[in-house]
């Protein structure tokens, strides 16, 4: 318990320093430290004010074509040639009109079965797949082409299926929060299917 509280305080301190110093990106969410938790709600409480999903921006797109990988059911599917890299852009935020919008967003792409093993690396992506930037936190201060408003955050990551990669699914865990509300937040989760093509 004491170790858990210590890690939570360290994360919150890092957030405060990052935001007060003007940093837009930082090593949040805390799930990277609390390896025994299966999602963000292991530390946070579902008490945010951003539950209207019609006002939420949560997308994964091709950074060149701007086309979304979203499927009709709200999940995502990304096809990548074996051994080749593919860049994808994650976009999160709020549409204009949200009263008291959150200050920041944290997200994590995670292979859920890896969470069964405690004390492993924070990089819990799918076996056989290389990835950079699988988790991050950013302030919601950006504008993104094709999306309304300026309460957005975006980052591009690269994924690559190795020789032993198989079609698999990872979870995209997203948390919106405000520093003024402590650990209170709103949590969203989306399924991301990774497909290896010849």
Protein backbone atom coordinates (compact mmCIF):
# COMPACT_ATOMS: atom_id res chain seq x y z
CA UNK A 1 0.00 0.00 0.00
CA UNK A 2 2.76 2.45 0.93
CA UNK A 3 4.62 1.75 -2.32
CA UNK A 4 1.43 2.28 -4.31
CA UNK A 5 0.72 5.61 -2.65
CA UNK A 6 4.30 6.69 -3.22
CA UNK A 7 4.09 5.92 -6.96
CA UNK A 8 0.80 7.81 -7.26
CA UNK A 9 2.29 10.86 -5.57
CA UNK A 10 5.33 10.68 -7.85
CA UNK A 11 3.11 10.64 -10.92
CA UNK A 12 0.98 13.54 -9.71
CA UNK A 13 4.14 15.50 -8.89
CA UNK A 14 5.44 14.86 -12.38
CA UNK A 15 2.15 16.07 -13.86
CA UNK A 16 2.24 19.26 -11.83
CA UNK A 17 5.83 19.97 -12.85
CA UNK A 18 5.12 19.22 -16.50
CA UNK A 19 2.03 21.42 -16.73
CA UNK A 20 3.48 24.30 -14.71
CA UNK A 21 6.62 24.27 -16.84
CA UNK A 22 4.62 24.41 -20.07
CA UNK A 23 5.48 20.90 -21.23
CA UNK A 24 2.90 19.49 -23.62
CA UNK A 25 3.92 15.83 -23.41
CA UNK A 26 5.11 13.73 -20.50
CA UNK A 27 5.42 10.15 -19.31
CA UNK A 28 1.88 9.70 -18.04
CA UNK A 29 -0.31 7.60 -17.48
CA UNK A 30 0.56 5.97 -14.18
CA UNK A 31 -0.36 2.54 -15.50
CA UNK A 32 3.26 2.35 -16.64
CA UNK A 33 4.26 2.31 -12.98
CA UNK A 34 1.36 0.40 -11.44
CA UNK A 35 1.88 -2.80 -13.41
CA UNK A 36 -0.70 -4.78 -11.42
CA UNK A 37 -3.58 -2.61 -12.57
CA UNK A 38 -5.46 -3.70 -15.68
CA UNK A 39 -6.51 -0.18 -16.60
CA UNK A 40 -6.38 3.45 -15.49
CA UNK A 41 -9.20 3.02 -12.99
CA UNK A 42 -6.87 1.12 -10.69
CA UNK A 43 -5.81 4.55 -9.40
CA UNK A 44 -8.42 6.98 -10.72
CA UNK A 45 -12.09 7.35 -9.85
CA UNK A 46 -14.83 7.70 -12.47
CA UNK A 47 -15.98 11.12 -11.39
CA UNK A 48 -15.17 13.37 -14.32
CA UNK A 49 -17.62 15.56 -16.21
CA UNK A 50 -17.02 14.33 -19.75
CA UNK A 51 -19.36 11.39 -20.22
CA UNK A 52 -21.16 12.63 -23.36
CA UNK A 53 -19.48 10.46 -25.98
CA UNK A 54 -20.82 12.60 -28.81
CA UNK A 55 -18.44 15.35 -27.63
CA UNK A 56 -15.40 13.12 -27.36
CA UNK A 57 -12.69 12.96 -30.04
CA UNK A 58 -11.00 9.55 -30.03
CA UNK A 59 -9.49 8.52 -33.34
CA UNK A 60 -6.55 6.76 -35.00
CA UNK A 61 -5.69 7.93 -38.51
CA UNK A 62 -3.11 7.60 -41.24
CA UNK A 63 -0.99 10.76 -40.86
CA UNK A 64 -0.63 11.14 -44.64
CA UNK A 65 -4.05 10.26 -46.05
CA UNK A 66 -5.88 11.44 -42.87
CA UNK A 67 -8.14 8.39 -43.25
CA UNK A 68 -9.42 6.85 -40.04
CA UNK A 69 -8.84 3.22 -39.06
CA UNK A 70 -12.16 3.20 -37.19
CA UNK A 71 -14.69 0.48 -37.99
CA UNK A 72 -18.47 0.74 -37.80
CA UNK A 73 -18.57 -0.75 -34.29
CA UNK A 74 -16.16 1.87 -32.91
CA UNK A 75 -13.12 -0.40 -32.79
CA UNK A 76 -10.05 0.08 -34.99
CA UNK A 77 -8.18 -2.15 -37.43
CA UNK A 78 -4.67 -1.45 -38.70
CA UNK A 79 -3.04 -3.60 -41.40
CA UNK A 80 0.76 -3.60 -41.70
CA UNK A 81 3.08 -5.52 -44.02
CA UNK A 82 5.37 -7.94 -42.22
CA UNK A 83 8.76 -6.36 -41.52
CA UNK A 84 7.65 -2.88 -42.59
CA UNK A 85 6.93 0.16 -40.47
CA UNK A 86 3.64 2.00 -40.45
CA UNK A 87 3.02 5.35 -38.84
CA UNK A 88 -0.34 6.02 -37.21
CA UNK A 89 -1.60 9.15 -35.53
CA UNK A 90 -3.64 9.05 -32.32
CA UNK A 91 -6.00 12.00 -31.77
CA UNK A 92 -7.87 12.74 -28.54
CA UNK A 93 -9.82 15.62 -27.10
CA UNK A 94 -13.11 17.46 -26.79
CA UNK A 95 -15.31 19.14 -29.35
CA UNK A 96 -16.24 22.81 -28.86
CA UNK A 97 -19.08 23.38 -26.43
CA UNK A 98 -17.94 21.19 -23.55
CA UNK A 99 -18.34 23.05 -20.29
CA UNK A 100 -15.26 22.87 -18.07
CA UNK A 101 -13.25 20.66 -20.46
CA UNK A 102 -10.41 18.51 -19.10
CA UNK A 103 -6.84 19.81 -19.04
CA UNK A 104 -5.12 16.67 -20.23
CA UNK A 105 -5.39 13.21 -21.68
CA UNK A 106 -3.34 10.10 -21.05
CA UNK A 107 -3.41 6.98 -23.17
CA UNK A 108 -1.90 3.52 -23.32
CA UNK A 109 -1.85 0.86 -26.02
CA UNK A 110 -1.59 -2.42 -24.16
CA UNK A 111 -1.74 -6.15 -24.84
CA UNK A 112 -4.11 -7.12 -22.06
CA UNK A 113 -2.70 -10.63 -21.37
CA UNK A 114 0.65 -9.00 -20.52
CA UNK A 115 -1.01 -7.34 -17.54
CA UNK A 116 -1.35 -10.73 -15.89
CA UNK A 117 2.39 -10.68 -15.14
CA UNK A 118 3.30 -8.12 -12.49
CA UNK A 119 6.61 -6.24 -12.32
CA UNK A 120 7.30 -6.47 -16.03
CA UNK A 121 8.39 -3.69 -18.33
CA UNK A 122 6.01 -0.79 -18.87
CA UNK A 123 6.12 -1.70 -22.57
CA UNK A 124 3.27 -4.23 -22.65
CA UNK A 125 2.57 -4.23 -26.37
CA UNK A 126 1.63 -7.28 -28.42
CA UNK A 127 4.32 -9.99 -28.77
CA UNK A 128 6.11 -9.90 -32.11
CA UNK A 129 5.27 -6.24 -32.72
CA UNK A 130 7.65 -3.29 -32.36
CA UNK A 131 6.22 0.05 -31.32
CA UNK A 132 7.42 3.44 -30.15
CA UNK A 133 5.34 5.78 -28.00
CA UNK A 134 2.77 3.19 -26.87
CA UNK A 135 1.78 5.47 -23.98
CA UNK A 136 1.89 9.18 -23.32
CA UNK A 137 0.14 12.09 -21.68
CA UNK A 138 -0.46 15.49 -23.22
CA UNK A 139 -2.15 18.74 -22.42
CA UNK A 140 -5.27 19.43 -24.48
CA UNK A 141 -4.00 22.57 -26.18
CA UNK A 142 -3.64 21.60 -29.84
CA UNK A 143 -5.51 22.12 -33.07
CA UNK A 144 -5.63 19.19 -35.51
CA UNK A 145 -6.61 19.45 -39.18
CA UNK A 146 -10.03 17.97 -39.80
CA UNK A 147 -11.16 18.19 -36.17
CA UNK A 148 -13.02 21.13 -34.61
CA UNK A 149 -11.75 23.16 -31.68
CA UNK A 150 -8.44 23.60 -29.90
CA UNK A 151 -8.85 21.20 -26.94
CA UNK A 152 -7.06 18.36 -28.68
CA UNK A 153 -3.87 16.33 -28.42
CA UNK A 154 -2.20 14.20 -31.07
CA UNK A 155 0.92 12.11 -31.43
CA UNK A 156 2.31 9.85 -34.13
CA UNK A 157 3.70 6.40 -33.35
CA UNK A 158 5.32 3.73 -35.48
CA UNK A 159 4.40 0.04 -35.43
CA UNK A 160 6.14 -2.87 -37.16
CA UNK A 161 5.29 -6.59 -37.23
CA UNK A 162 8.39 -8.77 -36.83
CA UNK A 163 8.88 -12.20 -38.37
CA UNK A 164 7.03 -13.88 -35.49
CA UNK A 165 4.15 -11.40 -35.40
CA UNK A 166 0.60 -12.67 -35.60
CA UNK A 167 -2.75 -10.95 -36.03
CA UNK A 168 -3.67 -9.75 -32.57
CA UNK A 169 -5.67 -7.19 -30.60
CA UNK A 170 -4.49 -4.51 -28.21
CA UNK A 171 -6.58 -2.24 -26.02
CA UNK A 172 -6.39 1.53 -26.31
CA UNK A 173 -7.02 2.92 -22.82
CA UNK A 174 -7.78 6.65 -22.67
CA UNK A 175 -8.19 8.86 -19.61
CA UNK A 176 -9.37 12.48 -19.58
CA UNK A 177 -8.69 14.45 -16.41
CA UNK A 178 -8.14 17.84 -14.84
CA UNK A 179 -5.46 18.69 -12.34
CA UNK A 180 -8.01 20.69 -10.38
CA UNK A 181 -9.99 17.50 -9.74
CA UNK A 182 -7.16 15.31 -8.46
CA UNK A 183 -7.55 11.67 -9.50
CA UNK A 184 -11.14 12.11 -10.72
CA UNK A 185 -11.33 11.28 -14.41
CA UNK A 186 -13.33 9.73 -17.23
CA UNK A 187 -12.07 6.54 -18.83
CA UNK A 188 -12.61 5.15 -22.32
CA UNK A 189 -11.39 1.95 -23.91
CA UNK A 190 -11.26 0.89 -27.55
CA UNK A 191 -10.18 -2.33 -29.23
CA UNK A 192 -7.43 -2.07 -31.87
CA UNK A 193 -6.98 -5.03 -34.20
CA UNK A 194 -3.47 -5.41 -35.66
CA UNK A 195 -3.35 -7.39 -38.90
CA UNK A 196 -0.20 -8.71 -40.59
CA UNK A 197 -0.28 -8.61 -44.39
CA UNK A 198 2.17 -10.37 -46.76
